[in-house]
Amino acid sequence: MTKRDRGIRVGKKVWRGVKLHTAGGVAKATPNSASMSRHDLLAWHSGDGGAYTVQFKADSPFGQKEFQVPVGGAVVTGSVRLNEPGHGAKYEYRVFPGGVDPDVSVDD
């Protein structure tokens, strides 16, 4: 965590906060990737009151690859999986507005 990002404290645990927001119709995350150590936790939170879906581009360091953030809410990841690399492994993710995966089409 940087000095600016003090994290989100819940009880004795501190989650690194990832702010989700929409700018110019495009969903964004700040920061847009995470360097994870074995004991890190992330909290995805809506910075503008919207709902979002977060997907890891490749492998996820957590038990799941996709996280649904409800309208105006937050979701925590849980702990990094035990078989993940040690300090500083970098993971990229993408964000979709409204909890919708644009790769999925629905026929009426």
PDB file of N, CA and C in Angstrom:
ATOM      1  N   MET A   1       0.832  -1.184   0.000  1.00  0.00           N
ATOM      2  CA  MET A   1       0.000   0.000   0.000  1.00  0.00           C
ATOM      3  C   MET A   1       0.872   1.241   0.000  1.00  0.00           C
ATOM      4  N   THR A   2       0.439   2.211  -0.728  1.00  0.00           N
ATOM      5  CA  THR A   2       1.152   3.478  -0.731  1.00  0.00           C
ATOM      6  C   THR A   2       0.626   4.352   0.390  1.00  0.00           C
ATOM      7  N   LYS A   3       1.271   5.480   0.588  1.00  0.00           N
ATOM      8  CA  LYS A   3       0.819   6.395   1.628  1.00  0.00           C
ATOM      9  C   LYS A   3      -0.585   6.912   1.329  1.00  0.00           C
ATOM     10  N   ARG A   4      -0.900   7.109   0.015  1.00  0.00           N
ATOM     11  CA  ARG A   4      -2.238   7.574  -0.363  1.00  0.00           C
ATOM     12  C   ARG A   4      -3.288   6.503  -0.118  1.00  0.00           C
ATOM     13  N   ASP A   5      -2.938   5.229  -0.341  1.00  0.00           N
ATOM     14  CA  ASP A   5      -3.881   4.129  -0.237  1.00  0.00           C
ATOM     15  C   ASP A   5      -3.677   3.417   1.092  1.00  0.00           C
ATOM     16  N   ARG A   6      -4.380   3.852   2.097  1.00  0.00           N
ATOM     17  CA  ARG A   6      -4.226   3.261   3.421  1.00  0.00           C
ATOM     18  C   ARG A   6      -5.063   1.999   3.591  1.00  0.00           C
ATOM     19  N   GLY A   7      -5.898   1.676   2.621  1.00  0.00           N
ATOM     20  CA  GLY A   7      -6.680   0.465   2.690  1.00  0.00           C
ATOM     21  C   GLY A   7      -7.975   0.643   3.443  1.00  0.00           C
ATOM     22  N   ILE A   8      -8.730  -0.421   3.469  1.00  0.00           N
ATOM     23  CA  ILE A   8     -10.023  -0.445   4.141  1.00  0.00           C
ATOM     24  C   ILE A   8      -9.902  -1.408   5.316  1.00  0.00           C
ATOM     25  N   ARG A   9     -10.078  -0.924   6.523  1.00  0.00           N
ATOM     26  CA  ARG A   9      -9.934  -1.755   7.710  1.00  0.00           C
ATOM     27  C   ARG A   9     -11.293  -2.325   8.113  1.00  0.00           C
ATOM     28  N   VAL A  10     -11.315  -3.658   8.279  1.00  0.00           N
ATOM     29  CA  VAL A  10     -12.488  -4.356   8.804  1.00  0.00           C
ATOM     30  C   VAL A  10     -11.982  -5.240   9.927  1.00  0.00           C
ATOM     31  N   GLY A  11     -12.308  -4.887  11.175  1.00  0.00           N
ATOM     32  CA  GLY A  11     -11.764  -5.612  12.313  1.00  0.00           C
ATOM     33  C   GLY A  11     -10.250  -5.449  12.336  1.00  0.00           C
ATOM     34  N   LYS A  12      -9.521  -6.569  12.394  1.00  0.00           N
ATOM     35  CA  LYS A  12      -8.065  -6.520  12.427  1.00  0.00           C
ATOM     36  C   LYS A  12      -7.436  -6.633  11.047  1.00  0.00           C
ATOM     37  N   LYS A  13      -8.232  -6.886  10.017  1.00  0.00           N
ATOM     38  CA  LYS A  13      -7.707  -7.049   8.666  1.00  0.00           C
ATOM     39  C   LYS A  13      -7.808  -5.746   7.877  1.00  0.00           C
ATOM     40  N   VAL A  14      -6.818  -5.543   6.997  1.00  0.00           N
ATOM     41  CA  VAL A  14      -6.818  -4.372   6.128  1.00  0.00           C
ATOM     42  C   VAL A  14      -6.831  -4.857   4.685  1.00  0.00           C
ATOM     43  N   TRP A  15      -7.843  -4.444   3.947  1.00  0.00           N
ATOM     44  CA  TRP A  15      -7.949  -4.773   2.528  1.00  0.00           C
ATOM     45  C   TRP A  15      -7.404  -3.603   1.730  1.00  0.00           C
ATOM     46  N   ARG A  16      -6.648  -3.898   0.675  1.00  0.00           N
ATOM     47  CA  ARG A  16      -6.212  -2.855  -0.245  1.00  0.00           C
ATOM     48  C   ARG A  16      -7.410  -2.474  -1.091  1.00  0.00           C
ATOM     49  N   GLY A  17      -7.761  -1.221  -1.077  1.00  0.00           N
ATOM     50  CA  GLY A  17      -8.937  -0.752  -1.797  1.00  0.00           C
ATOM     51  C   GLY A  17      -8.680  -0.569  -3.284  1.00  0.00           C
ATOM     52  N   VAL A  18      -9.621  -1.036  -4.115  1.00  0.00           N
ATOM     53  CA  VAL A  18      -9.602  -0.790  -5.553  1.00  0.00           C
ATOM     54  C   VAL A  18     -10.894  -0.069  -5.891  1.00  0.00           C
ATOM     55  N   LYS A  19     -10.777   1.189  -6.304  1.00  0.00           N
ATOM     56  CA  LYS A  19     -11.947   2.021  -6.606  1.00  0.00           C
ATOM     57  C   LYS A  19     -12.409   1.748  -8.038  1.00  0.00           C
ATOM     58  N   LEU A  20     -13.689   1.447  -8.195  1.00  0.00           N
ATOM     59  CA  LEU A  20     -14.297   1.225  -9.503  1.00  0.00           C
ATOM     60  C   LEU A  20     -15.160   2.426  -9.842  1.00  0.00           C
ATOM     61  N   HIS A  21     -15.055   2.895 -11.085  1.00  0.00           N
ATOM     62  CA  HIS A  21     -15.846   4.048 -11.507  1.00  0.00           C
ATOM     63  C   HIS A  21     -15.969   4.042 -13.023  1.00  0.00           C
ATOM     64  N   THR A  22     -16.866   4.863 -13.528  1.00  0.00           N
ATOM     65  CA  THR A  22     -17.058   4.992 -14.967  1.00  0.00           C
ATOM     66  C   THR A  22     -16.671   6.400 -15.384  1.00  0.00           C
ATOM     67  N   ALA A  23     -15.838   6.489 -16.420  1.00  0.00           N
ATOM     68  CA  ALA A  23     -15.415   7.789 -16.951  1.00  0.00           C
ATOM     69  C   ALA A  23     -15.596   7.755 -18.458  1.00  0.00           C
ATOM     70  N   GLY A  24     -16.413   8.661 -18.983  1.00  0.00           N
ATOM     71  CA  GLY A  24     -16.653   8.709 -20.423  1.00  0.00           C
ATOM     72  C   GLY A  24     -17.292   7.443 -20.958  1.00  0.00           C
ATOM     73  N   GLY A  25     -18.111   6.784 -20.146  1.00  0.00           N
ATOM     74  CA  GLY A  25     -18.790   5.562 -20.554  1.00  0.00           C
ATOM     75  C   GLY A  25     -17.942   4.305 -20.462  1.00  0.00           C
ATOM     76  N   VAL A  26     -16.716   4.432 -19.944  1.00  0.00           N
ATOM     77  CA  VAL A  26     -15.812   3.288 -19.827  1.00  0.00           C
ATOM     78  C   VAL A  26     -15.569   2.987 -18.347  1.00  0.00           C
ATOM     79  N   ALA A  27     -15.755   1.707 -17.969  1.00  0.00           N
ATOM     80  CA  ALA A  27     -15.506   1.299 -16.588  1.00  0.00           C
ATOM     81  C   ALA A  27     -14.011   1.233 -16.344  1.00  0.00           C
ATOM     82  N   LYS A  28     -13.590   1.748 -15.189  1.00  0.00           N
ATOM     83  CA  LYS A  28     -12.174   1.791 -14.848  1.00  0.00           C
ATOM     84  C   LYS A  28     -11.962   1.362 -13.405  1.00  0.00           C
ATOM     85  N   ALA A  29     -10.742   0.950 -13.123  1.00  0.00           N
ATOM     86  CA  ALA A  29     -10.347   0.595 -11.765  1.00  0.00           C
ATOM     87  C   ALA A  29      -9.084   1.369 -11.415  1.00  0.00           C
ATOM     88  N   THR A  30      -9.007   1.829 -10.177  1.00  0.00           N
ATOM     89  CA  THR A  30      -7.826   2.517  -9.691  1.00  0.00           C
ATOM     90  C   THR A  30      -7.360   1.826  -8.419  1.00  0.00           C
ATOM     91  N   PRO A  31      -6.247   1.107  -8.448  1.00  0.00           N
ATOM     92  CA  PRO A  31      -5.325   0.881  -9.547  1.00  0.00           C
ATOM     93  C   PRO A  31      -5.873  -0.153 -10.536  1.00  0.00           C
ATOM     94  N   ASN A  32      -5.267  -0.229 -11.744  1.00  0.00           N
ATOM     95  CA  ASN A  32      -5.794  -1.111 -12.787  1.00  0.00           C
ATOM     96  C   ASN A  32      -5.129  -2.484 -12.820  1.00  0.00           C
ATOM     97  N   SER A  33      -4.256  -2.770 -11.875  1.00  0.00           N
ATOM     98  CA  SER A  33      -3.693  -4.103 -11.689  1.00  0.00           C
ATOM     99  C   SER A  33      -3.236  -4.198 -10.240  1.00  0.00           C
ATOM    100  N   ALA A  34      -2.913  -5.413  -9.797  1.00  0.00           N
ATOM    101  CA  ALA A  34      -2.503  -5.594  -8.414  1.00  0.00           C
ATOM    102  C   ALA A  34      -1.269  -6.469  -8.342  1.00  0.00           C
ATOM    103  N   SER A  35      -0.289  -6.035  -7.573  1.00  0.00           N
ATOM    104  CA  SER A  35       0.864  -6.871  -7.249  1.00  0.00           C
ATOM    105  C   SER A  35       0.554  -7.501  -5.904  1.00  0.00           C
ATOM    106  N   MET A  36       0.420  -8.814  -5.900  1.00  0.00           N
ATOM    107  CA  MET A  36      -0.082  -9.503  -4.713  1.00  0.00           C
ATOM    108  C   MET A  36       0.999 -10.307  -4.014  1.00  0.00           C
ATOM    109  N   SER A  37       0.973 -10.268  -2.712  1.00  0.00           N
ATOM    110  CA  SER A  37       1.773 -11.139  -1.865  1.00  0.00           C
ATOM    111  C   SER A  37       0.819 -12.144  -1.220  1.00  0.00           C
ATOM    112  N   ARG A  38       1.354 -13.128  -0.557  1.00  0.00           N
ATOM    113  CA  ARG A  38       0.519 -14.209  -0.010  1.00  0.00           C
ATOM    114  C   ARG A  38      -0.509 -13.753   1.011  1.00  0.00           C
ATOM    115  N   HIS A  39      -0.256 -12.695   1.728  1.00  0.00           N
ATOM    116  CA  HIS A  39      -1.177 -12.285   2.791  1.00  0.00           C
ATOM    117  C   HIS A  39      -2.053 -11.092   2.404  1.00  0.00           C
ATOM    118  N   ASP A  40      -1.999 -10.671   1.134  1.00  0.00           N
ATOM    119  CA  ASP A  40      -2.775  -9.513   0.700  1.00  0.00           C
ATOM    120  C   ASP A  40      -4.247  -9.847   0.507  1.00  0.00           C
ATOM    121  N   LEU A  41      -5.074  -8.856   0.734  1.00  0.00           N
ATOM    122  CA  LEU A  41      -6.516  -8.925   0.517  1.00  0.00           C
ATOM    123  C   LEU A  41      -6.899  -7.698  -0.301  1.00  0.00           C
ATOM    124  N   LEU A  42      -7.878  -7.837  -1.198  1.00  0.00           N
ATOM    125  CA  LEU A  42      -8.374  -6.697  -1.964  1.00  0.00           C
ATOM    126  C   LEU A  42      -9.831  -6.467  -1.644  1.00  0.00           C
ATOM    127  N   ALA A  43     -10.250  -5.216  -1.715  1.00  0.00           N
ATOM    128  CA  ALA A  43     -11.659  -4.850  -1.584  1.00  0.00           C
ATOM    129  C   ALA A  43     -12.019  -4.021  -2.803  1.00  0.00           C
ATOM    130  N   TRP A  44     -12.892  -4.548  -3.656  1.00  0.00           N
ATOM    131  CA  TRP A  44     -13.385  -3.804  -4.808  1.00  0.00           C
ATOM    132  C   TRP A  44     -14.526  -2.948  -4.291  1.00  0.00           C
ATOM    133  N   HIS A  45     -14.536  -1.647  -4.573  1.00  0.00           N
ATOM    134  CA  HIS A  45     -15.639  -0.809  -4.104  1.00  0.00           C
ATOM    135  C   HIS A  45     -16.060   0.175  -5.185  1.00  0.00           C
ATOM    136  N   SER A  46     -17.359   0.412  -5.250  1.00  0.00           N
ATOM    137  CA  SER A  46     -17.923   1.336  -6.220  1.00  0.00           C
ATOM    138  C   SER A  46     -17.665   2.758  -5.757  1.00  0.00           C
ATOM    139  N   GLY A  47     -16.931   3.505  -6.569  1.00  0.00           N
ATOM    140  CA  GLY A  47     -16.621   4.891  -6.221  1.00  0.00           C
ATOM    141  C   GLY A  47     -17.663   5.878  -6.703  1.00  0.00           C
ATOM    142  N   ASP A  48     -18.599   5.408  -7.531  1.00  0.00           N
ATOM    143  CA  ASP A  48     -19.618   6.311  -8.076  1.00  0.00           C
ATOM    144  C   ASP A  48     -21.040   5.794  -7.898  1.00  0.00           C
ATOM    145  N   GLY A  49     -21.204   4.748  -7.095  1.00  0.00           N
ATOM    146  CA  GLY A  49     -22.543   4.232  -6.819  1.00  0.00           C
ATOM    147  C   GLY A  49     -23.062   3.216  -7.815  1.00  0.00           C
ATOM    148  N   GLY A  50     -22.270   2.864  -8.826  1.00  0.00           N
ATOM    149  CA  GLY A  50     -22.699   1.897  -9.832  1.00  0.00           C
ATOM    150  C   GLY A  50     -22.395   0.468  -9.424  1.00  0.00           C
ATOM    151  N   ALA A  51     -22.893  -0.481 -10.235  1.00  0.00           N
ATOM    152  CA  ALA A  51     -22.589  -1.902 -10.060  1.00  0.00           C
ATOM    153  C   ALA A  51     -21.525  -2.286 -11.088  1.00  0.00           C
ATOM    154  N   TYR A  52     -20.656  -3.229 -10.722  1.00  0.00           N
ATOM    155  CA  TYR A  52     -19.550  -3.607 -11.599  1.00  0.00           C
ATOM    156  C   TYR A  52     -19.275  -5.108 -11.520  1.00  0.00           C
ATOM    157  N   THR A  53     -18.659  -5.616 -12.591  1.00  0.00           N
ATOM    158  CA  THR A  53     -18.094  -6.960 -12.608  1.00  0.00           C
ATOM    159  C   THR A  53     -16.598  -6.799 -12.812  1.00  0.00           C
ATOM    160  N   VAL A  54     -15.805  -7.471 -11.995  1.00  0.00           N
ATOM    161  CA  VAL A  54     -14.355  -7.455 -12.121  1.00  0.00           C
ATOM    162  C   VAL A  54     -13.912  -8.862 -12.494  1.00  0.00           C
ATOM    163  N   GLN A  55     -13.122  -8.979 -13.568  1.00  0.00           N
ATOM    164  CA  GLN A  55     -12.600 -10.271 -14.007  1.00  0.00           C
ATOM    165  C   GLN A  55     -11.089 -10.189 -14.140  1.00  0.00           C
ATOM    166  N   PHE A  56     -10.392 -11.189 -13.626  1.00  0.00           N
ATOM    167  CA  PHE A  56      -8.959 -11.274 -13.842  1.00  0.00           C
ATOM    168  C   PHE A  56      -8.721 -11.703 -15.275  1.00  0.00           C
ATOM    169  N   LYS A  57      -7.737 -11.086 -15.944  1.00  0.00           N
ATOM    170  CA  LYS A  57      -7.474 -11.369 -17.357  1.00  0.00           C
ATOM    171  C   LYS A  57      -6.935 -12.778 -17.558  1.00  0.00           C
ATOM    172  N   ALA A  58      -6.066 -13.216 -16.699  1.00  0.00           N
ATOM    173  CA  ALA A  58      -5.516 -14.572 -16.813  1.00  0.00           C
ATOM    174  C   ALA A  58      -5.925 -15.325 -15.548  1.00  0.00           C
ATOM    175  N   ASP A  59      -4.961 -15.801 -14.814  1.00  0.00           N
ATOM    176  CA  ASP A  59      -5.251 -16.530 -13.586  1.00  0.00           C
ATOM    177  C   ASP A  59      -5.530 -15.547 -12.451  1.00  0.00           C
ATOM    178  N   SER A  60      -6.368 -15.966 -11.534  1.00  0.00           N
ATOM    179  CA  SER A  60      -6.679 -15.161 -10.360  1.00  0.00           C
ATOM    180  C   SER A  60      -5.893 -15.690  -9.170  1.00  0.00           C
ATOM    181  N   PRO A  61      -5.381 -14.806  -8.325  1.00  0.00           N
ATOM    182  CA  PRO A  61      -4.674 -15.270  -7.132  1.00  0.00           C
ATOM    183  C   PRO A  61      -5.641 -15.679  -6.015  1.00  0.00           C
ATOM    184  N   PHE A  62      -6.932 -15.504  -6.263  1.00  0.00           N
ATOM    185  CA  PHE A  62      -7.945 -15.798  -5.259  1.00  0.00           C
ATOM    186  C   PHE A  62      -8.731 -17.049  -5.648  1.00  0.00           C
ATOM    187  N   GLY A  63      -9.681 -17.444  -4.852  1.00  0.00           N
ATOM    188  CA  GLY A  63     -10.469 -18.644  -5.103  1.00  0.00           C
ATOM    189  C   GLY A  63     -11.402 -18.528  -6.294  1.00  0.00           C
ATOM    190  N   GLN A  64     -11.633 -17.345  -6.801  1.00  0.00           N
ATOM    191  CA  GLN A  64     -12.501 -17.149  -7.961  1.00  0.00           C
ATOM    192  C   GLN A  64     -11.884 -16.126  -8.903  1.00  0.00           C
ATOM    193  N   LYS A  65     -12.317 -16.169 -10.165  1.00  0.00           N
ATOM    194  CA  LYS A  65     -11.752 -15.292 -11.199  1.00  0.00           C
ATOM    195  C   LYS A  65     -12.602 -14.044 -11.418  1.00  0.00           C
ATOM    196  N   GLU A  66     -13.854 -14.057 -10.962  1.00  0.00           N
ATOM    197  CA  GLU A  66     -14.781 -12.952 -11.205  1.00  0.00           C
ATOM    198  C   GLU A  66     -15.445 -12.523  -9.902  1.00  0.00           C
ATOM    199  N   PHE A  67     -15.627 -11.213  -9.758  1.00  0.00           N
ATOM    200  CA  PHE A  67     -16.265 -10.647  -8.572  1.00  0.00           C
ATOM    201  C   PHE A  67     -17.364  -9.690  -9.006  1.00  0.00           C
ATOM    202  N   GLN A  68     -18.534  -9.800  -8.391  1.00  0.00           N
ATOM    203  CA  GLN A  68     -19.681  -8.927  -8.669  1.00  0.00           C
ATOM    204  C   GLN A  68     -19.782  -7.893  -7.558  1.00  0.00           C
ATOM    205  N   VAL A  69     -19.666  -6.618  -7.923  1.00  0.00           N
ATOM    206  CA  VAL A  69     -19.781  -5.528  -6.956  1.00  0.00           C
ATOM    207  C   VAL A  69     -21.180  -4.933  -7.111  1.00  0.00           C
ATOM    208  N   PRO A  70     -22.007  -4.992  -6.062  1.00  0.00           N
ATOM    209  CA  PRO A  70     -23.381  -4.483  -6.163  1.00  0.00           C
ATOM    210  C   PRO A  70     -23.431  -2.960  -6.240  1.00  0.00           C
ATOM    211  N   VAL A  71     -24.561  -2.433  -6.607  1.00  0.00           N
ATOM    212  CA  VAL A  71     -24.776  -0.989  -6.715  1.00  0.00           C
ATOM    213  C   VAL A  71     -24.325  -0.308  -5.425  1.00  0.00           C
ATOM    214  N   GLY A  72     -23.359   0.600  -5.561  1.00  0.00           N
ATOM    215  CA  GLY A  72     -22.872   1.379  -4.424  1.00  0.00           C
ATOM    216  C   GLY A  72     -22.184   0.580  -3.335  1.00  0.00           C
ATOM    217  N   GLY A  73     -21.859  -0.684  -3.590  1.00  0.00           N
ATOM    218  CA  GLY A  73     -21.314  -1.546  -2.548  1.00  0.00           C
ATOM    219  C   GLY A  73     -19.852  -1.891  -2.718  1.00  0.00           C
ATOM    220  N   ALA A  74     -19.451  -2.917  -1.985  1.00  0.00           N
ATOM    221  CA  ALA A  74     -18.072  -3.393  -2.014  1.00  0.00           C
ATOM    222  C   ALA A  74     -18.058  -4.907  -1.858  1.00  0.00           C
ATOM    223  N   VAL A  75     -16.997  -5.529  -2.365  1.00  0.00           N
ATOM    224  CA  VAL A  75     -16.803  -6.969  -2.243  1.00  0.00           C
ATOM    225  C   VAL A  75     -15.346  -7.205  -1.889  1.00  0.00           C
ATOM    226  N   VAL A  76     -15.088  -8.075  -0.915  1.00  0.00           N
ATOM    227  CA  VAL A  76     -13.714  -8.411  -0.560  1.00  0.00           C
ATOM    228  C   VAL A  76     -13.344  -9.751  -1.185  1.00  0.00           C
ATOM    229  N   THR A  77     -12.061  -9.905  -1.497  1.00  0.00           N
ATOM    230  CA  THR A  77     -11.597 -11.073  -2.228  1.00  0.00           C
ATOM    231  C   THR A  77     -11.366 -12.297  -1.376  1.00  0.00           C
ATOM    232  N   GLY A  78     -11.001 -12.118  -0.147  1.00  0.00           N
ATOM    233  CA  GLY A  78     -10.517 -13.236   0.651  1.00  0.00           C
ATOM    234  C   GLY A  78      -9.012 -13.331   0.473  1.00  0.00           C
ATOM    235  N   SER A  79      -8.408 -14.335   1.043  1.00  0.00           N
ATOM    236  CA  SER A  79      -6.958 -14.480   1.012  1.00  0.00           C
ATOM    237  C   SER A  79      -6.462 -15.011  -0.322  1.00  0.00           C
ATOM    238  N   VAL A  80      -5.203 -14.719  -0.623  1.00  0.00           N
ATOM    239  CA  VAL A  80      -4.536 -15.257  -1.804  1.00  0.00           C
ATOM    240  C   VAL A  80      -4.390 -16.767  -1.615  1.00  0.00           C
ATOM    241  N   ARG A  81      -4.596 -17.522  -2.711  1.00  0.00           N
ATOM    242  CA  ARG A  81      -4.470 -18.986  -2.647  1.00  0.00           C
ATOM    243  C   ARG A  81      -3.066 -19.380  -2.204  1.00  0.00           C
ATOM    244  N   LEU A  82      -2.957 -20.479  -1.515  1.00  0.00           N
ATOM    245  CA  LEU A  82      -1.680 -20.930  -0.976  1.00  0.00           C
ATOM    246  C   LEU A  82      -0.646 -21.269  -2.042  1.00  0.00           C
ATOM    247  N   ASN A  83      -1.075 -21.718  -3.218  1.00  0.00           N
ATOM    248  CA  ASN A  83      -0.133 -22.125  -4.252  1.00  0.00           C
ATOM    249  C   ASN A  83       0.325 -20.968  -5.138  1.00  0.00           C
ATOM    250  N   GLU A  84      -0.040 -19.745  -4.795  1.00  0.00           N
ATOM    251  CA  GLU A  84       0.357 -18.584  -5.588  1.00  0.00           C
ATOM    252  C   GLU A  84       1.787 -18.189  -5.272  1.00  0.00           C
ATOM    253  N   PRO A  85       2.446 -17.477  -6.213  1.00  0.00           N
ATOM    254  CA  PRO A  85       3.827 -17.034  -5.983  1.00  0.00           C
ATOM    255  C   PRO A  85       3.921 -16.116  -4.768  1.00  0.00           C
ATOM    256  N   GLY A  86       5.109 -15.879  -4.362  1.00  0.00           N
ATOM    257  CA  GLY A  86       5.343 -15.018  -3.200  1.00  0.00           C
ATOM    258  C   GLY A  86       5.209 -13.553  -3.521  1.00  0.00           C
ATOM    259  N   HIS A  87       6.028 -12.752  -2.916  1.00  0.00           N
ATOM    260  CA  HIS A  87       5.945 -11.298  -2.952  1.00  0.00           C
ATOM    261  C   HIS A  87       5.953 -10.729  -4.370  1.00  0.00           C
ATOM    262  N   GLY A  88       4.981  -9.871  -4.646  1.00  0.00           N
ATOM    263  CA  GLY A  88       5.007  -9.055  -5.843  1.00  0.00           C
ATOM    264  C   GLY A  88       4.507  -9.656  -7.140  1.00  0.00           C
ATOM    265  N   ALA A  89       3.862 -10.810  -7.131  1.00  0.00           N
ATOM    266  CA  ALA A  89       3.313 -11.348  -8.371  1.00  0.00           C
ATOM    267  C   ALA A  89       2.231 -10.391  -8.870  1.00  0.00           C
ATOM    268  N   LYS A  90       2.280 -10.025 -10.165  1.00  0.00           N
ATOM    269  CA  LYS A  90       1.351  -9.030 -10.705  1.00  0.00           C
ATOM    270  C   LYS A  90       0.186  -9.707 -11.412  1.00  0.00           C
ATOM    271  N   TYR A  91      -1.020  -9.203 -11.154  1.00  0.00           N
ATOM    272  CA  TYR A  91      -2.242  -9.722 -11.747  1.00  0.00           C
ATOM    273  C   TYR A  91      -3.025  -8.573 -12.370  1.00  0.00           C
ATOM    274  N   GLU A  92      -3.450  -8.757 -13.618  1.00  0.00           N
ATOM    275  CA  GLU A  92      -4.238  -7.738 -14.297  1.00  0.00           C
ATOM    276  C   GLU A  92      -5.699  -8.160 -14.313  1.00  0.00           C
ATOM    277  N   TYR A  93      -6.582  -7.168 -14.255  1.00  0.00           N
ATOM    278  CA  TYR A  93      -8.013  -7.430 -14.283  1.00  0.00           C
ATOM    279  C   TYR A  93      -8.694  -6.382 -15.149  1.00  0.00           C
ATOM    280  N   ARG A  94      -9.934  -6.684 -15.519  1.00  0.00           N
ATOM    281  CA  ARG A  94     -10.732  -5.735 -16.295  1.00  0.00           C
ATOM    282  C   ARG A  94     -12.063  -5.538 -15.584  1.00  0.00           C
ATOM    283  N   VAL A  95     -12.669  -4.405 -15.859  1.00  0.00           N
ATOM    284  CA  VAL A  95     -13.897  -4.009 -15.166  1.00  0.00           C
ATOM    285  C   VAL A  95     -14.986  -3.754 -16.189  1.00  0.00           C
ATOM    286  N   PHE A  96     -16.186  -4.236 -15.885  1.00  0.00           N
ATOM    287  CA  PHE A  96     -17.348  -4.021 -16.740  1.00  0.00           C
ATOM    288  C   PHE A  96     -18.426  -3.304 -15.940  1.00  0.00           C
ATOM    289  N   PRO A  97     -19.059  -2.284 -16.513  1.00  0.00           N
ATOM    290  CA  PRO A  97     -20.111  -1.556 -15.787  1.00  0.00           C
ATOM    291  C   PRO A  97     -21.379  -2.386 -15.664  1.00  0.00           C
ATOM    292  N   GLY A  98     -22.139  -2.093 -14.634  1.00  0.00           N
ATOM    293  CA  GLY A  98     -23.460  -2.703 -14.465  1.00  0.00           C
ATOM    294  C   GLY A  98     -23.468  -4.181 -14.194  1.00  0.00           C
ATOM    295  N   GLY A  99     -22.327  -4.757 -13.927  1.00  0.00           N
ATOM    296  CA  GLY A  99     -22.286  -6.189 -13.656  1.00  0.00           C
ATOM    297  C   GLY A  99     -22.540  -7.011 -14.904  1.00  0.00           C
ATOM    298  N   VAL A 100     -22.341  -6.428 -16.079  1.00  0.00           N
ATOM    299  CA  VAL A 100     -22.626  -7.111 -17.346  1.00  0.00           C
ATOM    300  C   VAL A 100     -21.326  -7.459 -18.044  1.00  0.00           C
ATOM    301  N   ASP A 101     -21.208  -8.705 -18.491  1.00  0.00           N
ATOM    302  CA  ASP A 101     -20.050  -9.131 -19.261  1.00  0.00           C
ATOM    303  C   ASP A 101     -20.348  -8.867 -20.724  1.00  0.00           C
ATOM    304  N   PRO A 102     -19.639  -7.944 -21.393  1.00  0.00           N
ATOM    305  CA  PRO A 102     -19.950  -7.599 -22.765  1.00  0.00           C
ATOM    306  C   PRO A 102     -19.675  -8.718 -23.769  1.00  0.00           C
ATOM    307  N   ASP A 103     -18.959  -9.778 -23.350  1.00  0.00           N
ATOM    308  CA  ASP A 103     -18.686 -10.899 -24.234  1.00  0.00           C
ATOM    309  C   ASP A 103     -19.874 -11.849 -24.334  1.00  0.00           C
ATOM    310  N   VAL A 104     -20.880 -11.651 -23.510  1.00  0.00           N
ATOM    311  CA  VAL A 104     -22.054 -12.529 -23.509  1.00  0.00           C
ATOM    312  C   VAL A 104     -23.202 -11.821 -24.208  1.00  0.00           C
ATOM    313  N   SER A 105     -23.797 -12.473 -25.216  1.00  0.00           N
ATOM    314  CA  SER A 105     -24.967 -11.891 -25.872  1.00  0.00           C
ATOM    315  C   SER A 105     -26.175 -12.764 -25.576  1.00  0.00           C
ATOM    316  N   VAL A 106     -27.306 -12.122 -25.439  1.00  0.00           N
ATOM    317  CA  VAL A 106     -28.540 -12.819 -25.132  1.00  0.00           C
ATOM    318  C   VAL A 106     -29.508 -12.602 -26.276  1.00  0.00           C
ATOM    319  N   ASP A 107     -30.003 -13.697 -26.852  1.00  0.00           N
ATOM    320  CA  ASP A 107     -30.995 -13.611 -27.918  1.00  0.00           C
ATOM    321  C   ASP A 107     -32.402 -13.600 -27.323  1.00  0.00           C
ATOM    322  N   ASP A 108     -33.255 -12.748 -27.849  1.00  0.00           N
ATOM    323  CA  ASP A 108     -34.645 -12.686 -27.340  1.00  0.00           C
ATOM    324  C   ASP A 108     -35.493 -13.796 -27.901  1.00  0.00           C
TER     325      ASP A 108
END
